[in-house]
Amino acid sequence: MIEPTLEGENAWVEHHDETANANLISRTNSWYTGSNVPGKPRRVLSYTGGVGTYRAKCSEAATNGYAGFALGRSNIEQPS
């Protein structure tokens, strides 16, 4: 099992928002920002930092022992 910690999740959301707010997409009215759903909070829904940055972030987490994640065994029984 792997789950993000609250600190790890908050760090990712902060990074995501920084990359999204550096692009014009964050200022548009489209489904990318959830504007097509009445009452939905506005934010960019997809990662705009680029695949290279995403892969680097994944590698960085793995290299650092999956910092920002809680690892453990699942309580769900696996089929035999």
N, C-alpha and C. Protein backbone atom coordinates (compact mmCIF):
# COMPACT_ATOMS: atom_id res chain seq x y z
N MET A 1 0.85 -1.17 0.00
CA MET A 1 0.00 0.00 0.00
C MET A 1 0.90 1.24 0.00
N ILE A 2 0.52 2.22 -0.73
CA ILE A 2 1.22 3.51 -0.72
C ILE A 2 0.16 4.61 -0.73
N GLU A 3 0.28 5.51 0.21
CA GLU A 3 -0.66 6.62 0.35
C GLU A 3 0.15 7.89 0.58
N PRO A 4 -0.28 9.01 0.03
CA PRO A 4 0.44 10.26 0.33
C PRO A 4 0.18 10.67 1.78
N THR A 5 1.22 11.22 2.41
CA THR A 5 1.01 11.82 3.73
C THR A 5 0.35 13.17 3.53
N LEU A 6 -0.20 13.74 4.58
CA LEU A 6 -0.82 15.06 4.47
C LEU A 6 0.22 16.08 4.03
N GLU A 7 1.43 15.99 4.59
CA GLU A 7 2.50 16.92 4.21
C GLU A 7 2.89 16.74 2.75
N GLY A 8 2.99 15.47 2.31
CA GLY A 8 3.34 15.19 0.92
C GLY A 8 2.27 15.69 -0.04
N GLU A 9 1.01 15.48 0.33
CA GLU A 9 -0.10 15.94 -0.51
C GLU A 9 -0.09 17.47 -0.60
N ASN A 10 0.09 18.12 0.52
CA ASN A 10 0.11 19.60 0.53
C ASN A 10 1.27 20.14 -0.31
N ALA A 11 2.43 19.49 -0.23
CA ALA A 11 3.59 19.92 -1.02
C ALA A 11 3.31 19.76 -2.51
N TRP A 12 2.66 18.64 -2.89
CA TRP A 12 2.34 18.42 -4.30
C TRP A 12 1.32 19.46 -4.79
N VAL A 13 0.29 19.72 -4.00
CA VAL A 13 -0.73 20.70 -4.39
C VAL A 13 -0.08 22.09 -4.57
N GLU A 14 0.82 22.43 -3.67
CA GLU A 14 1.51 23.73 -3.79
C GLU A 14 2.33 23.78 -5.07
N HIS A 15 3.08 22.71 -5.37
CA HIS A 15 3.87 22.64 -6.61
C HIS A 15 2.94 22.70 -7.84
N HIS A 16 1.85 21.93 -7.79
CA HIS A 16 0.89 21.90 -8.90
C HIS A 16 0.33 23.30 -9.15
N ASP A 17 -0.08 23.98 -8.09
CA ASP A 17 -0.65 25.32 -8.23
C ASP A 17 0.37 26.31 -8.78
N GLU A 18 1.63 26.19 -8.35
CA GLU A 18 2.68 27.09 -8.88
C GLU A 18 2.84 26.90 -10.39
N THR A 19 2.91 25.64 -10.84
CA THR A 19 3.07 25.41 -12.28
C THR A 19 1.82 25.84 -13.05
N ALA A 20 0.65 25.56 -12.50
CA ALA A 20 -0.60 25.92 -13.18
C ALA A 20 -0.75 27.44 -13.28
N ASN A 21 -0.41 28.14 -12.21
CA ASN A 21 -0.59 29.60 -12.20
C ASN A 21 0.44 30.32 -13.05
N ALA A 22 1.47 29.60 -13.49
CA ALA A 22 2.47 30.20 -14.38
C ALA A 22 2.02 30.12 -15.84
N ASN A 23 0.89 29.49 -16.10
CA ASN A 23 0.36 29.32 -17.45
C ASN A 23 -0.93 30.10 -17.63
N LEU A 24 -1.23 30.42 -18.87
CA LEU A 24 -2.48 31.13 -19.16
C LEU A 24 -3.70 30.25 -18.95
N ILE A 25 -3.51 28.94 -18.97
CA ILE A 25 -4.66 28.03 -18.81
C ILE A 25 -5.41 28.29 -17.51
N SER A 26 -4.70 28.73 -16.48
CA SER A 26 -5.36 28.98 -15.19
C SER A 26 -6.31 30.17 -15.26
N ARG A 27 -6.22 30.96 -16.32
CA ARG A 27 -7.08 32.14 -16.45
C ARG A 27 -8.21 31.94 -17.46
N THR A 28 -8.35 30.71 -17.95
CA THR A 28 -9.39 30.45 -18.96
C THR A 28 -10.66 29.90 -18.33
N ASN A 29 -11.73 29.97 -19.07
CA ASN A 29 -12.98 29.34 -18.69
C ASN A 29 -13.13 28.10 -19.55
N SER A 30 -12.77 26.96 -19.00
CA SER A 30 -12.86 25.71 -19.75
C SER A 30 -12.98 24.54 -18.79
N TRP A 31 -13.15 23.34 -19.35
CA TRP A 31 -13.23 22.17 -18.50
C TRP A 31 -11.91 21.90 -17.82
N TYR A 32 -10.79 22.44 -18.35
CA TYR A 32 -9.49 22.29 -17.70
C TYR A 32 -9.48 22.94 -16.32
N THR A 33 -10.32 23.92 -16.12
CA THR A 33 -10.39 24.61 -14.82
C THR A 33 -11.67 24.29 -14.06
N GLY A 34 -12.47 23.41 -14.60
CA GLY A 34 -13.71 23.02 -13.94
C GLY A 34 -14.83 24.03 -14.11
N SER A 35 -14.67 25.00 -15.01
CA SER A 35 -15.70 26.04 -15.18
C SER A 35 -16.99 25.51 -15.77
N ASN A 36 -16.96 24.30 -16.34
CA ASN A 36 -18.18 23.74 -16.93
C ASN A 36 -19.08 23.10 -15.88
N VAL A 37 -18.65 23.08 -14.62
CA VAL A 37 -19.45 22.47 -13.55
C VAL A 37 -19.89 23.57 -12.59
N PRO A 38 -21.17 23.94 -12.60
CA PRO A 38 -21.64 25.02 -11.74
C PRO A 38 -21.34 24.72 -10.26
N GLY A 39 -20.78 25.72 -9.59
CA GLY A 39 -20.49 25.61 -8.16
C GLY A 39 -19.17 24.93 -7.83
N LYS A 40 -18.49 24.38 -8.84
CA LYS A 40 -17.21 23.70 -8.59
C LYS A 40 -16.12 24.75 -8.37
N PRO A 41 -15.28 24.54 -7.35
CA PRO A 41 -14.17 25.49 -7.16
C PRO A 41 -13.27 25.49 -8.40
N ARG A 42 -12.82 26.65 -8.79
CA ARG A 42 -12.00 26.82 -9.99
C ARG A 42 -10.56 26.47 -9.71
N ARG A 43 -10.02 25.56 -10.47
CA ARG A 43 -8.58 25.25 -10.42
C ARG A 43 -8.22 24.41 -11.62
N VAL A 44 -6.98 24.44 -12.00
CA VAL A 44 -6.51 23.64 -13.12
C VAL A 44 -6.52 22.18 -12.67
N LEU A 45 -7.16 21.31 -13.46
CA LEU A 45 -7.34 19.93 -13.06
C LEU A 45 -6.19 19.01 -13.49
N SER A 46 -5.45 19.38 -14.52
CA SER A 46 -4.36 18.52 -14.99
C SER A 46 -3.01 19.15 -14.65
N TYR A 47 -1.98 18.31 -14.63
CA TYR A 47 -0.63 18.78 -14.29
C TYR A 47 -0.03 19.48 -15.50
N THR A 48 0.43 20.71 -15.31
CA THR A 48 0.95 21.50 -16.43
C THR A 48 2.46 21.70 -16.37
N GLY A 49 3.13 21.00 -15.47
CA GLY A 49 4.58 21.15 -15.31
C GLY A 49 5.40 20.43 -16.35
N GLY A 50 4.75 19.58 -17.14
CA GLY A 50 5.46 18.84 -18.19
C GLY A 50 5.86 17.45 -17.73
N VAL A 51 5.93 16.55 -18.69
CA VAL A 51 6.23 15.16 -18.37
C VAL A 51 7.64 15.00 -17.80
N GLY A 52 8.59 15.80 -18.26
CA GLY A 52 9.95 15.72 -17.74
C GLY A 52 10.02 16.08 -16.26
N THR A 53 9.34 17.14 -15.89
CA THR A 53 9.30 17.55 -14.48
C THR A 53 8.56 16.51 -13.64
N TYR A 54 7.48 15.98 -14.17
CA TYR A 54 6.72 14.96 -13.45
C TYR A 54 7.59 13.73 -13.18
N ARG A 55 8.29 13.27 -14.20
CA ARG A 55 9.16 12.10 -14.04
C ARG A 55 10.28 12.40 -13.05
N ALA A 56 10.82 13.61 -13.09
CA ALA A 56 11.88 13.99 -12.15
C ALA A 56 11.36 13.97 -10.72
N LYS A 57 10.14 14.47 -10.52
CA LYS A 57 9.53 14.47 -9.18
C LYS A 57 9.31 13.04 -8.70
N CYS A 58 8.87 12.15 -9.59
CA CYS A 58 8.66 10.74 -9.23
C CYS A 58 9.99 10.10 -8.86
N SER A 59 11.02 10.33 -9.66
CA SER A 59 12.36 9.77 -9.38
C SER A 59 12.92 10.31 -8.08
N GLU A 60 12.71 11.59 -7.83
CA GLU A 60 13.18 12.21 -6.59
C GLU A 60 12.52 11.56 -5.38
N ALA A 61 11.23 11.33 -5.46
CA ALA A 61 10.51 10.68 -4.35
C ALA A 61 11.05 9.26 -4.13
N ALA A 62 11.25 8.51 -5.21
CA ALA A 62 11.76 7.14 -5.09
C ALA A 62 13.17 7.12 -4.52
N THR A 63 14.02 8.01 -5.00
CA THR A 63 15.40 8.09 -4.51
C THR A 63 15.45 8.42 -3.03
N ASN A 64 14.50 9.20 -2.56
CA ASN A 64 14.47 9.61 -1.16
C ASN A 64 13.58 8.70 -0.31
N GLY A 65 13.47 7.43 -0.70
CA GLY A 65 12.70 6.47 0.09
C GLY A 65 11.21 6.77 0.10
N TYR A 66 10.71 7.33 -0.97
CA TYR A 66 9.31 7.71 -1.11
C TYR A 66 8.89 8.70 -0.03
N ALA A 67 9.72 9.73 0.11
CA ALA A 67 9.40 10.83 1.02
C ALA A 67 8.06 11.43 0.61
N GLY A 68 7.21 11.70 1.59
CA GLY A 68 5.89 12.25 1.32
C GLY A 68 4.83 11.18 1.15
N PHE A 69 5.24 9.91 1.32
CA PHE A 69 4.30 8.79 1.20
C PHE A 69 4.41 7.89 2.41
N ALA A 70 3.30 7.28 2.76
CA ALA A 70 3.27 6.26 3.81
C ALA A 70 3.19 4.91 3.11
N LEU A 71 4.11 4.02 3.44
CA LEU A 71 4.14 2.70 2.84
C LEU A 71 3.72 1.68 3.88
N GLY A 72 3.01 0.67 3.47
CA GLY A 72 2.61 -0.38 4.39
C GLY A 72 1.89 -1.49 3.68
N ARG A 73 1.44 -2.44 4.43
CA ARG A 73 0.71 -3.57 3.87
C ARG A 73 -0.77 -3.24 3.82
N SER A 74 -1.41 -3.69 2.79
CA SER A 74 -2.85 -3.47 2.65
C SER A 74 -3.61 -4.43 3.55
N ASN A 75 -4.72 -3.97 4.09
CA ASN A 75 -5.58 -4.82 4.88
C ASN A 75 -6.59 -5.58 4.02
N ILE A 76 -6.54 -5.36 2.72
CA ILE A 76 -7.47 -6.01 1.80
C ILE A 76 -6.90 -7.38 1.44
N GLU A 77 -7.73 -8.42 1.57
CA GLU A 77 -7.30 -9.77 1.23
C GLU A 77 -7.10 -9.88 -0.26
N GLN A 78 -5.97 -10.47 -0.65
CA GLN A 78 -5.68 -10.69 -2.05
C GLN A 78 -6.21 -12.06 -2.47
N PRO A 79 -6.76 -12.19 -3.69
CA PRO A 79 -7.23 -13.50 -4.16
C PRO A 79 -6.07 -14.47 -4.27
N SER A 80 -6.31 -15.74 -3.99
CA SER A 80 -5.24 -16.73 -4.12
C SER A 80 -5.25 -17.44 -5.44
